[in-house]
Protein backbone atom coordinates (compact mmCIF):
# COMPACT_ATOMS: atom_id res chain seq x y z
CA MET A 1 5.94 18.32 -4.80
CA VAL A 2 3.74 16.75 -7.46
CA ALA A 3 0.05 15.86 -7.58
CA SER A 4 -1.00 12.26 -7.04
CA GLU A 5 -2.44 10.60 -10.13
CA ILE A 6 -4.94 8.82 -7.89
CA ARG A 7 -6.20 12.01 -6.22
CA ALA A 8 -6.57 13.64 -9.60
CA LEU A 9 -9.01 10.88 -10.57
CA PHE A 10 -11.27 11.27 -7.54
CA ALA A 11 -13.42 14.08 -8.96
CA VAL A 12 -14.55 12.04 -11.96
CA ALA A 13 -14.40 8.61 -10.31
CA ALA A 14 -16.83 9.76 -7.60
CA ARG A 15 -19.60 10.39 -10.14
CA PRO A 16 -22.34 7.79 -9.59
CA GLU A 17 -22.46 6.72 -13.24
CA VAL A 18 -18.73 5.84 -13.19
CA VAL A 19 -17.61 2.44 -11.92
CA SER A 20 -14.44 3.31 -10.01
CA LEU A 21 -11.78 0.60 -9.96
CA ALA A 22 -9.32 3.32 -8.99
CA GLY A 23 -9.26 4.27 -5.31
CA GLY A 24 -8.19 1.82 -2.60
CA MET A 25 -10.96 2.86 -0.21
CA PRO A 26 -11.89 0.33 2.49
CA TYR A 27 -15.53 -0.67 2.70
CA VAL A 28 -16.24 0.98 6.06
CA SER A 29 -19.99 0.37 5.72
CA ALA A 30 -19.25 -3.20 6.81
CA LEU A 31 -18.47 -1.89 10.32
CA PRO A 32 -21.20 -2.01 12.97
CA LEU A 33 -21.69 1.73 12.65
CA ASP A 34 -24.41 2.04 15.28
CA ALA A 35 -22.24 0.31 17.87
CA VAL A 36 -19.19 2.35 16.91
CA GLY A 37 -21.19 5.59 17.07
CA GLN A 38 -22.51 4.78 20.52
CA MET A 39 -19.03 3.75 21.63
CA VAL A 40 -17.56 7.12 20.61
CA GLY A 41 -20.42 9.04 22.21
CA ASP A 42 -20.02 7.14 25.48
CA LEU A 43 -16.27 7.72 25.34
CA VAL A 44 -16.66 11.50 25.08
CA ALA A 45 -19.37 11.62 27.73
CA ARG A 46 -17.32 9.52 30.13
CA ASN A 47 -13.78 10.80 29.46
CA GLY A 48 -14.30 14.11 27.67
CA ALA A 49 -11.63 15.95 29.64
CA GLU A 50 -9.03 13.46 28.38
CA VAL A 51 -10.47 12.83 24.93
CA LEU A 52 -10.59 16.54 24.00
CA GLN A 53 -7.21 17.53 25.44
CA TYR A 54 -3.64 17.71 24.14
CA ALA A 55 -1.70 14.44 24.26
CA SER A 56 1.82 13.06 23.97
CA ALA A 57 3.49 13.23 20.56
CA GLN A 58 4.42 9.56 20.94
CA GLY A 59 0.79 8.52 21.31
CA ASP A 60 -1.53 7.18 23.97
CA PRO A 61 0.28 4.55 26.11
CA GLY A 62 -2.74 2.23 26.25
CA LEU A 63 -3.16 2.33 22.47
CA ARG A 64 0.54 1.60 22.00
CA GLU A 65 0.18 -1.51 24.16
CA GLN A 66 -2.74 -2.65 22.03
CA ILE A 67 -0.76 -2.02 18.85
CA CYS A 68 1.85 -4.46 20.14
CA ASP A 69 -0.91 -7.05 20.56
CA VAL A 70 -2.03 -6.46 16.97
CA MET A 71 1.52 -6.84 15.63
CA SER A 72 1.98 -10.08 17.56
CA LEU A 73 -0.39 -11.70 15.03
CA GLU A 74 2.49 -11.34 12.52
CA GLY A 75 5.15 -12.71 14.87
CA ILE A 76 6.41 -9.35 16.10
CA LYS A 77 7.57 -9.05 19.70
CA ALA A 78 7.65 -5.37 20.61
CA SER A 79 7.67 -2.92 23.47
CA ALA A 80 5.10 -0.15 23.57
CA ASP A 81 7.95 2.23 24.31
CA ASP A 82 9.25 1.75 20.76
CA VAL A 83 5.89 2.50 19.10
CA VAL A 84 5.06 5.99 17.82
CA VAL A 85 1.45 6.71 16.84
CA THR A 86 1.11 8.71 13.61
CA VAL A 87 -1.58 10.27 11.43
CA GLY A 88 -1.91 7.16 9.31
CA ALA A 89 1.07 5.31 7.90
CA GLN A 90 1.49 8.15 5.40
CA GLN A 91 2.75 10.51 8.09
CA ALA A 92 5.06 7.77 9.31
CA LEU A 93 6.61 7.68 5.84
CA ASP A 94 7.06 11.43 5.87
CA LEU A 95 8.70 11.48 9.30
CA ILE A 96 11.09 8.65 8.47
CA THR A 97 12.10 10.26 5.19
CA ARG A 98 12.61 13.61 6.92
CA ILE A 99 14.92 11.98 9.46
CA PHE A 100 17.02 9.85 7.13
CA VAL A 101 17.09 11.39 3.65
CA ASP A 102 19.25 14.22 2.38
CA PRO A 103 18.86 15.50 -1.21
CA ASP A 104 20.24 13.00 -3.76
CA ASP A 105 20.36 10.11 -1.28
CA VAL A 106 19.17 6.84 -2.82
CA VAL A 107 15.96 5.18 -1.70
CA LEU A 108 15.32 1.71 -3.10
CA ALA A 109 11.72 0.81 -3.88
CA GLU A 110 9.90 -1.99 -5.62
CA ALA A 111 8.84 -1.52 -9.23
CA PRO A 112 5.98 -0.65 -9.15
CA SER A 113 5.68 1.01 -5.74
CA TYR A 114 3.08 2.79 -3.62
CA VAL A 115 2.37 6.20 -5.14
CA GLY A 116 2.13 7.95 -1.75
CA ALA A 117 5.61 6.79 -0.82
CA LEU A 118 7.06 7.97 -4.14
CA GLY A 119 5.51 11.40 -3.60
CA THR A 120 7.05 11.64 -0.14
CA PHE A 121 10.48 10.59 -1.35
CA ALA A 122 10.31 13.14 -4.17
CA SER A 123 9.37 15.94 -1.78
CA TYR A 124 12.62 15.34 0.14
CA GLN A 125 14.60 15.17 -3.15
CA ALA A 126 15.57 11.51 -2.82
CA ASP A 127 16.74 9.60 -5.87
CA VAL A 128 14.38 6.60 -6.09
CA VAL A 129 15.97 3.53 -7.67
CA HIS A 130 13.50 0.80 -8.51
CA VAL A 131 14.17 -2.91 -7.99
CA PRO A 132 12.24 -5.36 -10.20
CA MET A 133 9.46 -7.63 -8.93
CA ASP A 134 7.69 -10.67 -10.27
CA GLN A 135 4.74 -12.73 -9.07
CA GLY A 136 6.73 -13.71 -5.97
CA GLY A 137 7.53 -10.13 -4.96
CA LEU A 138 10.87 -8.35 -4.87
CA ILE A 139 13.56 -10.33 -6.72
CA PRO A 140 16.56 -10.96 -4.38
CA THR A 141 19.15 -11.29 -7.15
CA ALA A 142 18.01 -7.97 -8.62
CA LEU A 143 18.29 -6.33 -5.19
CA ARG A 144 21.83 -7.63 -4.73
CA GLU A 145 22.87 -6.51 -8.21
CA THR A 146 21.37 -3.05 -7.64
CA LEU A 147 23.11 -2.60 -4.29
CA GLU A 148 26.44 -3.74 -5.72
CA ARG A 149 26.14 -1.34 -8.65
CA LEU A 150 25.30 1.57 -6.36
CA ARG A 151 28.20 0.71 -4.07
CA ILE A 152 30.60 0.73 -7.03
CA GLU A 153 29.18 4.10 -8.09
CA GLY A 154 29.74 5.46 -4.57
CA ARG A 155 26.02 6.19 -4.06
CA ARG A 156 24.58 6.34 -0.54
CA VAL A 157 21.55 4.07 -0.04
CA LYS A 158 19.47 5.18 2.95
CA PHE A 159 16.88 2.41 2.97
CA LEU A 160 14.82 -0.12 1.06
CA TYR A 161 11.10 0.66 1.06
CA THR A 162 8.88 -2.38 0.60
CA VAL A 163 5.25 -3.42 0.91
CA PRO A 164 5.94 -7.16 1.15
CA THR A 165 2.42 -8.48 1.77
CA PHE A 166 -0.44 -7.99 -0.74
CA GLN A 167 1.56 -5.19 -2.28
CA ASN A 168 0.13 -1.87 -3.39
CA PRO A 169 -0.22 -1.64 -6.39
CA ALA A 170 0.72 -5.09 -7.72
CA GLY A 171 -1.15 -7.27 -5.22
CA VAL A 172 1.74 -9.77 -5.02
CA THR A 173 3.28 -11.13 -1.81
CA LEU A 174 6.95 -11.70 -1.02
CA THR A 175 7.47 -15.44 -0.53
CA PRO A 176 8.89 -16.76 2.79
CA ALA A 177 12.12 -17.88 1.12
CA ARG A 178 12.63 -14.48 -0.44
CA ARG A 179 11.95 -12.72 2.85
CA ALA A 180 14.93 -14.46 4.39
CA GLN A 181 17.07 -13.60 1.37
CA ILE A 182 16.08 -9.92 1.43
CA LEU A 183 17.02 -9.67 5.11
CA GLU A 184 20.35 -11.38 4.44
CA ILE A 185 21.20 -9.10 1.50
CA CYS A 186 20.30 -5.92 3.37
CA ALA A 187 22.40 -7.04 6.33
CA ALA A 188 25.38 -7.70 4.03
CA TYR A 189 25.10 -4.19 2.55
CA ASP A 190 24.07 -2.54 5.83
CA VAL A 191 20.81 -1.19 4.44
CA LEU A 192 17.81 -0.27 6.57
CA ILE A 193 14.41 -1.71 5.60
CA ILE A 194 11.12 0.19 5.82
CA GLU A 195 8.37 -2.44 5.96
CA ASP A 196 4.98 -0.89 5.13
CA ASN A 197 2.28 -3.40 6.01
CA PRO A 198 -1.27 -1.99 5.99
CA TYR A 199 -2.80 -5.10 4.38
CA GLY A 200 -1.05 -7.86 6.34
CA LEU A 201 -4.14 -9.02 8.26
CA LEU A 202 -6.35 -9.08 5.16
CA GLY A 203 -5.26 -12.39 3.63
CA PHE A 204 -7.98 -14.53 2.07
CA ASP A 205 -6.69 -18.05 2.59
CA ASN A 206 -4.13 -18.37 5.39
CA GLU A 207 -3.05 -16.99 8.73
CA PRO A 208 -1.08 -13.70 8.62
CA MET A 209 2.42 -14.02 7.22
CA ARG A 210 5.41 -13.47 9.45
CA ALA A 211 6.58 -9.86 9.15
CA LEU A 212 10.12 -8.95 8.14
CA ARG A 213 10.37 -7.05 11.41
CA ALA A 214 9.76 -10.28 13.36
CA ASP A 215 13.05 -11.72 12.09
CA ASP A 216 15.26 -8.61 12.18
CA PRO A 217 14.07 -6.05 14.76
CA ASP A 218 17.31 -4.04 14.59
CA ARG A 219 17.24 -3.43 10.82
CA VAL A 220 13.53 -3.20 10.02
CA ILE A 221 11.33 -0.20 10.77
CA TYR A 222 7.72 -1.37 10.64
CA LEU A 223 4.78 0.81 9.56
CA GLY A 224 1.22 -0.16 10.39
CA SER A 225 -2.22 1.38 10.05
CA PHE A 226 -5.81 0.93 11.21
CA SER A 227 -7.05 2.50 7.97
CA LYS A 228 -7.72 -0.89 6.36
CA THR A 229 -8.74 -2.93 9.42
CA ILE A 230 -10.96 -0.34 11.14
CA ALA A 231 -11.55 2.91 9.24
CA SER A 232 -9.39 5.15 7.07
CA GLY A 233 -11.12 8.34 8.28
CA LEU A 234 -9.72 7.90 11.78
CA ARG A 235 -6.19 8.45 10.41
CA VAL A 236 -4.41 6.35 13.04
CA GLY A 237 -1.20 4.56 12.11
CA TRP A 238 2.08 3.79 13.79
CA VAL A 239 5.80 3.19 13.50
CA LEU A 240 7.73 0.50 15.35
CA ALA A 241 11.39 1.49 15.33
CA PRO A 242 14.63 0.80 17.21
CA HIS A 243 14.88 2.94 20.32
CA ALA A 244 17.27 5.59 18.94
CA VAL A 245 15.13 6.06 15.83
CA ARG A 246 11.98 6.21 17.95
CA ALA A 247 13.35 9.19 19.86
CA LYS A 248 13.95 11.08 16.60
CA LEU A 249 10.48 10.19 15.36
CA VAL A 250 8.90 11.74 18.45
CA LEU A 251 10.87 14.95 17.89
CA ALA A 252 9.83 15.04 14.23
CA ALA A 253 6.19 14.41 15.15
CA GLU A 254 6.23 17.25 17.69
CA SER A 255 7.61 19.56 15.02
CA ALA A 256 4.96 18.49 12.49
CA VAL A 257 1.74 18.38 14.55
CA LEU A 258 2.67 19.03 18.21
CA CYS A 259 0.53 16.00 19.09
CA HIS A 260 -1.96 13.73 17.38
CA SER A 261 -5.70 13.66 17.90
CA SER A 262 -6.62 12.34 21.34
CA LEU A 263 -10.16 11.69 20.11
CA THR A 264 -9.22 9.33 17.30
CA GLN A 265 -6.51 7.57 19.29
CA LEU A 266 -8.82 6.87 22.22
CA ALA A 267 -11.62 5.88 19.87
CA VAL A 268 -9.34 3.20 18.39
CA ARG A 269 -8.26 2.15 21.89
CA GLU A 270 -11.91 1.84 22.93
CA TYR A 271 -12.77 -0.08 19.77
CA LEU A 272 -9.97 -2.61 20.38
CA THR A 273 -11.07 -2.94 24.00
CA THR A 274 -14.84 -3.26 23.59
CA GLN A 275 -15.52 -4.50 20.06
CA PRO A 276 -14.88 -7.97 18.53
CA TRP A 277 -12.21 -6.60 16.21
CA ARG A 278 -10.74 -9.96 15.25
CA GLU A 279 -14.16 -11.11 14.08
CA GLN A 280 -14.58 -7.84 12.19
CA ILE A 281 -11.30 -8.45 10.36
CA LYS A 282 -12.60 -11.90 9.38
CA ASP A 283 -15.72 -10.23 8.00
CA PHE A 284 -13.57 -7.82 5.97
CA ARG A 285 -11.49 -10.72 4.65
CA GLU A 286 -14.57 -12.56 3.41
CA LEU A 287 -16.04 -9.40 1.89
CA TYR A 288 -12.84 -8.56 0.02
CA ARG A 289 -12.35 -12.18 -1.05
CA GLU A 290 -15.79 -12.15 -2.71
CA ARG A 291 -14.91 -8.94 -4.53
CA ARG A 292 -11.47 -10.22 -5.54
CA ASP A 293 -13.12 -13.33 -6.98
CA ALA A 294 -15.63 -11.20 -8.89
CA MET A 295 -12.79 -9.23 -10.45
CA LEU A 296 -10.64 -12.24 -11.33
CA ASP A 297 -13.59 -14.15 -12.80
CA SER A 298 -14.57 -11.13 -14.89
CA LEU A 299 -11.03 -10.53 -16.10
CA GLY A 300 -10.73 -14.18 -17.07
CA SER A 301 -13.93 -14.20 -19.10
CA LEU A 302 -13.87 -10.70 -20.62
CA MET A 303 -10.31 -9.44 -21.17
CA PRO A 304 -8.96 -9.63 -24.72
CA GLU A 305 -5.97 -11.76 -25.61
CA GLY A 306 -2.63 -10.26 -24.60
CA CYS A 307 -3.78 -8.91 -21.22
CA THR A 308 -2.25 -10.42 -18.10
CA TRP A 309 -2.88 -9.75 -14.42
CA THR A 310 -1.81 -10.72 -10.93
CA ARG A 311 -3.89 -12.95 -8.64
CA PRO A 312 -3.71 -11.40 -5.17
CA ALA A 313 -4.11 -13.61 -2.09
CA GLY A 314 -5.22 -10.63 -0.01
CA GLY A 315 -5.39 -6.87 0.11
CA PHE A 316 -7.14 -4.57 -2.36
CA PHE A 317 -5.47 -4.60 -5.78
CA VAL A 318 -4.92 -6.36 -9.10
CA TRP A 319 -2.13 -5.25 -11.45
CA LEU A 320 -3.13 -5.54 -15.11
CA SER A 321 -0.70 -5.46 -18.03
CA LEU A 322 -1.94 -4.42 -21.46
CA PRO A 323 -0.86 -5.84 -24.83
CA GLU A 324 2.18 -4.32 -26.50
CA GLY A 325 1.59 -0.91 -28.04
CA LEU A 326 -1.16 0.21 -25.65
CA ASP A 327 -0.74 3.07 -23.20
CA ALA A 328 -2.89 2.96 -20.04
CA LYS A 329 -2.38 6.65 -19.29
CA ALA A 330 -3.39 7.77 -22.79
CA MET A 331 -6.35 5.40 -22.65
CA ALA A 332 -7.66 6.69 -19.27
CA PRO A 333 -9.79 9.59 -20.65
CA ARG A 334 -11.46 7.21 -23.09
CA ALA A 335 -12.19 4.81 -20.24
CA ILE A 336 -13.78 7.64 -18.24
CA ALA A 337 -15.93 8.42 -21.26
CA GLN A 338 -17.12 4.80 -21.06
CA ARG A 339 -17.81 5.33 -17.34
CA VAL A 340 -15.04 3.23 -15.81
CA ALA A 341 -11.98 4.47 -13.90
CA TYR A 342 -8.62 2.92 -13.05
CA VAL A 343 -5.17 4.19 -12.08
CA PRO A 344 -2.54 4.22 -14.86
CA GLY A 345 0.69 2.45 -13.99
CA THR A 346 2.85 5.52 -14.56
CA GLY A 347 1.94 6.86 -11.11
CA PHE A 348 3.71 3.93 -9.45
CA TYR A 349 7.15 4.54 -10.99
CA ALA A 350 9.47 7.38 -10.05
CA ASP A 351 10.66 7.69 -13.65
CA GLY A 352 7.17 7.75 -15.17
CA SER A 353 7.45 4.35 -16.85
CA GLY A 354 4.78 1.68 -16.55
CA HIS A 355 2.66 2.91 -19.45
CA ARG A 356 1.45 -0.59 -20.28
CA HIS A 357 0.08 -1.25 -16.81
CA MET A 358 -2.83 -0.22 -14.61
CA ARG A 359 -3.97 -0.79 -11.03
CA LEU A 360 -7.48 -2.10 -10.49
CA SER A 361 -9.05 -1.91 -7.05
CA TYR A 362 -11.80 -4.31 -5.98
CA CYS A 363 -12.23 -3.27 -2.33
CA TYR A 364 -15.04 -0.72 -2.60
CA PRO A 365 -17.53 -1.54 -5.41
CA GLU A 366 -20.17 -4.23 -4.96
CA PRO A 367 -19.41 -7.44 -6.93
CA HIS A 368 -22.00 -6.69 -9.62
CA ARG A 369 -20.45 -3.24 -10.10
CA ILE A 370 -16.99 -4.78 -10.39
CA ARG A 371 -18.23 -7.10 -13.15
CA GLU A 372 -19.81 -4.19 -14.98
CA GLY A 373 -16.66 -2.10 -14.61
CA VAL A 374 -14.49 -4.89 -16.02
CA ARG A 375 -16.94 -5.32 -18.92
CA ARG A 376 -16.68 -1.62 -19.77
CA LEU A 377 -12.89 -1.68 -19.42
CA ALA A 378 -12.57 -4.73 -21.66
CA GLY A 379 -14.57 -2.89 -24.34
CA VAL A 380 -12.21 0.11 -24.14
CA ILE A 381 -9.14 -2.14 -24.42
CA GLU A 382 -10.62 -3.95 -27.44
CA GLN A 383 -11.17 -0.61 -29.16
CA GLU A 384 -7.57 0.39 -28.40
CA ILE A 385 -6.28 -2.85 -29.87
CA GLU A 386 -8.29 -2.21 -33.05
CA LEU A 387 -6.85 1.31 -33.30
CA ARG A 388 -3.33 -0.03 -32.74
CA ASP A 389 -3.75 -2.67 -35.41
CA THR A 390 -5.22 -0.15 -37.86
CA PHE A 391 -2.98 2.86 -37.33
CA GLY A 392 -0.01 1.59 -35.29
CA GLY A 393 0.48 2.05 -31.53
CA ALA A 394 1.88 5.15 -29.91
CA GLY A 395 2.43 3.61 -26.50
CA GLY A 396 5.06 1.00 -27.30
CA SER A 397 8.14 3.15 -26.75
CA GLY A 398 7.17 3.99 -23.19
CA ALA A 399 5.43 0.74 -22.40
CA GLN A 400 8.21 -1.21 -20.74
CA SER A 401 8.51 -1.20 -16.98
CA ALA A 402 10.52 -2.86 -14.27
CA PHE A 403 7.73 -5.25 -13.30
CA VAL A 404 8.52 -8.77 -14.48
CA ASP A 405 5.42 -10.53 -15.78
CA THR A 406 7.01 -13.96 -16.07
CA PRO A 407 6.97 -15.86 -12.75
CA GLY A 408 10.30 -16.94 -11.33
CA PRO A 409 11.08 -20.26 -9.64
CA GLU A 410 9.91 -19.10 -6.20
CA THR A 411 6.74 -17.30 -7.21
CA LEU A 412 3.34 -17.84 -5.64
């Protein structure tokens, strides 16, 4: 097991003088906290014997029914019997990997990919093979070529892990045409798909995209979470899986935690029952759109020549690429000294590449703080460019990554 590069930043990024563009923390202060607090208090007073008791490892039946209603917004038709409640989507990843992966099995993942998933795969000794992305998400031809190469080599691919909508860390979204192609390719090679979709309801311009699971319920295991649409501290997520897989997930959950928190599950159930949660998601969307715009406007006006970045249509993150010869990981301590924090791109690649990239998060800081953080970051990058031009860069040899910066024909 290895330490997360994001968690390692938290100690310094939490200092009030530092503008943190690092952590993907939802802005929970936008919730009606008084109403939520009263709701939880009433729930305990009214149903304390249930709320404070052991529960089923599969999760509260009423909550599982409501989860199916939430997933229907993305075109998913599901039975509550095939839903397993988990301690956030992170535990869902751990349980699925425990069930499917033996040491040296291959797990395919986008390049770059979610750091928490990479840590889980490493802990079970999987061999992560990255598949390139561009502005339109995972590249189907690259996926087909990778699967064919691995088949020729006799390697066993257990599943493809993807965050297709407002991806963490790149912020890009898999186009509808590519979604159909990815499903077709995985069916041809008999590869399972793990669809991790915590940001799917947080689009800024359109209705939620149709989930991969909606079009292939037998091949796609869907992971969801209330961490981004209600509150991350509740730690309530879920897995929607084919029936046989669901049974194994329940056994694995019992082994890991015996059962999940009744209090947090029933609090989420009560919230979905009594609070205007759809309106609250709209409020989150507008709040994050304003912050995304503040970041993109600041990047456009302040970043030096040679920097490029993605333009997310939802979610929390922008992926920034530095000019040749610069190393985001080596630059991070100097950025902290200038009171701005980001996550170096190396944490999002299993092989430690991605030196020329960084993830910037706009979800938590106020817009004026985002603008100030980008201003400070631009100053650090300008200094690095001057040093490179004067003394020669040390980051070029490790700078290349699997992320394709040039848009393809189907990109957004």
